[in-house]
Amino acid sequence: MLESERQRTLLANYGYSAERLKEGLALHHHAWELFIDQSSQYGASIAAINRHHAAQASARSIFAQHRAIAQVALRGERALAQALGLGEQCPRAQTAWQHYAEQFYANALNDEAILAHLTAYGVNAEQIAVGQRQLAAVSIRCGRASSSMPVLWRPRARVTRRLWPSTPGCATFKRS
């Protein structure tokens, strides 16, 4: 605390007694501890996000390998390739990609003919199931756990009315 008698006297003139200064110091220490706790929680959130991104990258990598092998294995089998969605371009958006990959894995595991072709190229049902589980883990983290994770940044959107062409009740969203 204050070691100088002069400083204590000056502060006492403004109503800061030794007891009140001790209370202020205790509040300061408590606020500092809360700041440290908040910083560690923020660090834990960043680590969880990094783990999620790593799991997502792993799921995409496994899926890309399985899809590439399926394209080769089912080259002459148009109906089987269609069942896996191989005629379509793979979506880039996360949600669309997850639906696409879920369809791929479900159809691959449920069709013996597809599994036979994939097995001939070194991909068995267990490997397909591992890819499906990895996808499911990422899907669960994306859908349910993201609501419990703190939002580190969220773009703000505001509604404005269009001035030209003037269509009554037509609103657009602009990032601010």
Protein backbone atom coordinates (compact mmCIF):
# COMPACT_ATOMS: atom_id res chain seq x y z
CA MET A 1 0.00 0.00 0.00
CA LEU A 2 1.05 3.59 0.51
CA GLU A 3 4.19 3.81 2.51
CA SER A 4 4.50 7.57 2.69
CA GLU A 5 2.64 9.24 5.52
CA ARG A 6 2.28 12.33 3.36
CA GLN A 7 0.46 10.35 0.62
CA ARG A 8 -1.86 8.73 3.17
CA THR A 9 -2.68 12.12 4.67
CA LEU A 10 -3.43 13.67 1.28
CA LEU A 11 -5.70 10.77 0.32
CA ALA A 12 -7.41 10.85 3.71
CA ASN A 13 -8.36 14.46 2.98
CA TYR A 14 -10.37 13.16 0.02
CA GLY A 15 -12.07 10.40 2.02
CA TYR A 16 -9.70 7.54 1.23
CA SER A 17 -8.88 5.92 4.54
CA ALA A 18 -6.43 3.04 4.89
CA GLU A 19 -9.35 0.60 5.06
CA ARG A 20 -10.93 2.00 1.90
CA LEU A 21 -7.59 1.80 0.08
CA LYS A 22 -7.31 -1.86 1.14
CA GLU A 23 -10.79 -2.49 -0.27
CA GLY A 24 -9.76 -0.83 -3.54
CA LEU A 25 -6.61 -2.92 -3.70
CA ALA A 26 -8.66 -6.09 -3.09
CA LEU A 27 -11.05 -5.08 -5.89
CA HIS A 28 -8.07 -4.46 -8.16
CA HIS A 29 -6.66 -7.93 -7.44
CA HIS A 30 -10.07 -9.53 -8.00
CA ALA A 31 -10.50 -7.71 -11.33
CA TRP A 32 -7.01 -8.83 -12.37
CA GLU A 33 -7.86 -12.48 -11.56
CA LEU A 34 -11.07 -12.21 -13.59
CA PHE A 35 -9.10 -10.79 -16.51
CA ILE A 36 -6.63 -13.69 -16.33
CA ASP A 37 -9.53 -16.20 -16.23
CA GLN A 38 -11.17 -14.52 -19.23
CA SER A 39 -7.90 -14.62 -21.16
CA SER A 40 -7.45 -18.33 -20.49
CA GLN A 41 -11.06 -19.04 -21.53
CA TYR A 42 -10.52 -17.09 -24.72
CA GLY A 43 -7.37 -19.13 -25.36
CA ALA A 44 -9.34 -22.34 -24.78
CA SER A 45 -11.96 -21.14 -27.28
CA ILE A 46 -9.27 -20.47 -29.89
CA ALA A 47 -7.81 -23.95 -29.26
CA ALA A 48 -11.25 -25.54 -29.68
CA ILE A 49 -11.78 -23.67 -32.94
CA ASN A 50 -8.36 -24.79 -34.17
CA ARG A 51 -9.17 -28.42 -33.29
CA HIS A 52 -12.47 -28.09 -35.16
CA HIS A 53 -10.73 -26.70 -38.25
CA ALA A 54 -8.19 -29.55 -38.12
CA ALA A 55 -10.99 -32.13 -37.88
CA GLN A 56 -12.79 -30.43 -40.77
CA ALA A 57 -9.65 -30.49 -42.92
CA SER A 58 -9.12 -34.15 -42.07
CA ALA A 59 -12.71 -35.05 -42.99
CA ARG A 60 -12.42 -33.17 -46.29
CA SER A 61 -9.10 -34.87 -47.07
CA ILE A 62 -10.42 -38.36 -46.35
CA PHE A 63 -13.55 -37.64 -48.38
CA ALA A 64 -11.52 -36.30 -51.32
CA GLN A 65 -9.47 -39.51 -51.37
CA HIS A 66 -12.56 -41.71 -51.21
CA ARG A 67 -14.30 -39.69 -53.90
CA ALA A 68 -11.28 -39.79 -56.23
CA ILE A 69 -10.96 -43.56 -55.84
CA ALA A 70 -14.70 -43.98 -56.39
CA GLN A 71 -14.49 -41.95 -59.61
CA VAL A 72 -11.84 -44.33 -60.93
CA ALA A 73 -13.48 -47.49 -59.58
CA LEU A 74 -16.91 -46.63 -60.97
CA ARG A 75 -15.74 -45.16 -64.28
CA GLY A 76 -17.81 -47.56 -66.40
CA GLU A 77 -20.73 -47.89 -63.97
CA ARG A 78 -22.85 -44.83 -64.61
CA ALA A 79 -25.77 -45.83 -62.34
CA LEU A 80 -23.49 -46.55 -59.39
CA ALA A 81 -21.54 -43.35 -59.96
CA GLN A 82 -24.81 -41.42 -60.02
CA ALA A 83 -25.83 -43.00 -56.69
CA LEU A 84 -22.67 -41.51 -55.15
CA GLY A 85 -23.19 -38.17 -56.86
CA LEU A 86 -19.96 -38.46 -58.82
CA GLY A 87 -21.45 -36.76 -61.87
CA GLU A 88 -21.90 -33.55 -59.90
CA GLN A 89 -19.27 -31.03 -58.97
CA CYS A 90 -18.31 -31.27 -55.30
CA PRO A 91 -19.82 -28.29 -53.42
CA ARG A 92 -17.49 -25.82 -51.73
CA ALA A 93 -19.84 -24.41 -49.08
CA GLN A 94 -19.53 -26.31 -45.81
CA THR A 95 -23.19 -27.24 -45.32
CA ALA A 96 -23.70 -28.29 -48.95
CA TRP A 97 -20.45 -30.27 -48.87
CA GLN A 98 -21.55 -32.08 -45.69
CA HIS A 99 -24.87 -33.09 -47.25
CA TYR A 100 -23.06 -34.25 -50.38
CA ALA A 101 -20.54 -36.29 -48.37
CA GLU A 102 -23.28 -37.78 -46.16
CA GLN A 103 -25.10 -38.97 -49.29
CA PHE A 104 -21.85 -40.37 -50.69
CA TYR A 105 -21.00 -42.36 -47.56
CA ALA A 106 -24.55 -43.59 -46.92
CA ASN A 107 -24.96 -44.83 -50.49
CA ALA A 108 -21.48 -46.36 -50.58
CA LEU A 109 -22.08 -48.34 -47.40
CA ASN A 110 -25.58 -49.47 -48.38
CA ASP A 111 -24.76 -50.77 -51.86
CA GLU A 112 -22.79 -54.03 -52.13
CA ALA A 113 -21.92 -53.38 -55.78
CA ILE A 114 -20.33 -50.04 -54.94
CA LEU A 115 -18.39 -51.61 -52.06
CA ALA A 116 -17.17 -54.39 -54.36
CA HIS A 117 -15.81 -51.86 -56.88
CA LEU A 118 -14.19 -49.77 -54.14
CA THR A 119 -12.64 -52.85 -52.51
CA ALA A 120 -11.03 -53.75 -55.83
CA TYR A 121 -9.21 -50.40 -55.60
CA GLY A 122 -8.16 -50.80 -51.96
CA VAL A 123 -10.98 -49.02 -50.11
CA ASN A 124 -13.02 -51.35 -47.91
CA ALA A 125 -16.22 -50.82 -45.94
CA GLU A 126 -14.30 -50.09 -42.72
CA GLN A 127 -12.39 -47.25 -44.36
CA ILE A 128 -15.64 -45.81 -45.72
CA ALA A 129 -17.16 -46.08 -42.22
CA VAL A 130 -14.15 -44.22 -40.76
CA GLY A 131 -14.73 -41.41 -43.26
CA GLN A 132 -18.42 -41.36 -42.37
CA ARG A 133 -17.63 -41.14 -38.63
CA GLN A 134 -15.14 -38.34 -39.22
CA LEU A 135 -17.79 -36.47 -41.20
CA ALA A 136 -20.37 -37.06 -38.47
CA ALA A 137 -17.98 -35.69 -35.83
CA VAL A 138 -17.46 -32.51 -37.84
CA SER A 139 -21.20 -32.21 -38.53
CA ILE A 140 -22.02 -32.48 -34.82
CA ARG A 141 -19.41 -29.87 -33.96
CA CYS A 142 -20.72 -27.56 -36.66
CA GLY A 143 -24.37 -27.88 -35.79
CA ARG A 144 -24.70 -28.33 -32.06
CA ALA A 145 -21.46 -27.37 -30.38
CA SER A 146 -21.00 -24.11 -32.24
CA SER A 147 -23.83 -22.57 -30.23
CA SER A 148 -21.91 -23.22 -27.01
CA MET A 149 -18.68 -21.79 -28.37
CA PRO A 150 -18.28 -18.05 -27.94
CA VAL A 151 -18.61 -15.91 -31.02
CA LEU A 152 -15.24 -14.32 -31.65
CA TRP A 153 -16.34 -12.28 -34.64
CA ARG A 154 -19.65 -11.92 -36.37
CA PRO A 155 -20.27 -9.60 -39.32
CA ARG A 156 -23.01 -7.11 -38.62
CA ALA A 157 -25.79 -6.73 -41.14
CA ARG A 158 -28.26 -3.91 -41.31
CA VAL A 159 -31.41 -3.62 -43.33
CA THR A 160 -31.70 -0.68 -45.68
CA ARG A 161 -34.31 0.22 -48.24
CA ARG A 162 -33.35 0.30 -51.88
CA LEU A 163 -33.56 3.74 -53.39
CA TRP A 164 -33.40 2.61 -57.00
CA PRO A 165 -35.41 0.92 -58.39
CA SER A 166 -38.00 1.93 -55.85
CA THR A 167 -39.90 -1.24 -55.11
CA PRO A 168 -42.12 -0.83 -52.06
CA GLY A 169 -41.11 -3.09 -49.20
CA CYS A 170 -37.97 -4.37 -50.89
CA ALA A 171 -35.07 -4.52 -48.43
CA THR A 172 -31.42 -5.47 -48.93
CA PHE A 173 -28.72 -6.43 -46.51
CA LYS A 174 -25.44 -4.56 -46.39
CA ARG A 175 -22.43 -5.35 -44.24
CA SER A 176 -21.39 -2.50 -42.04
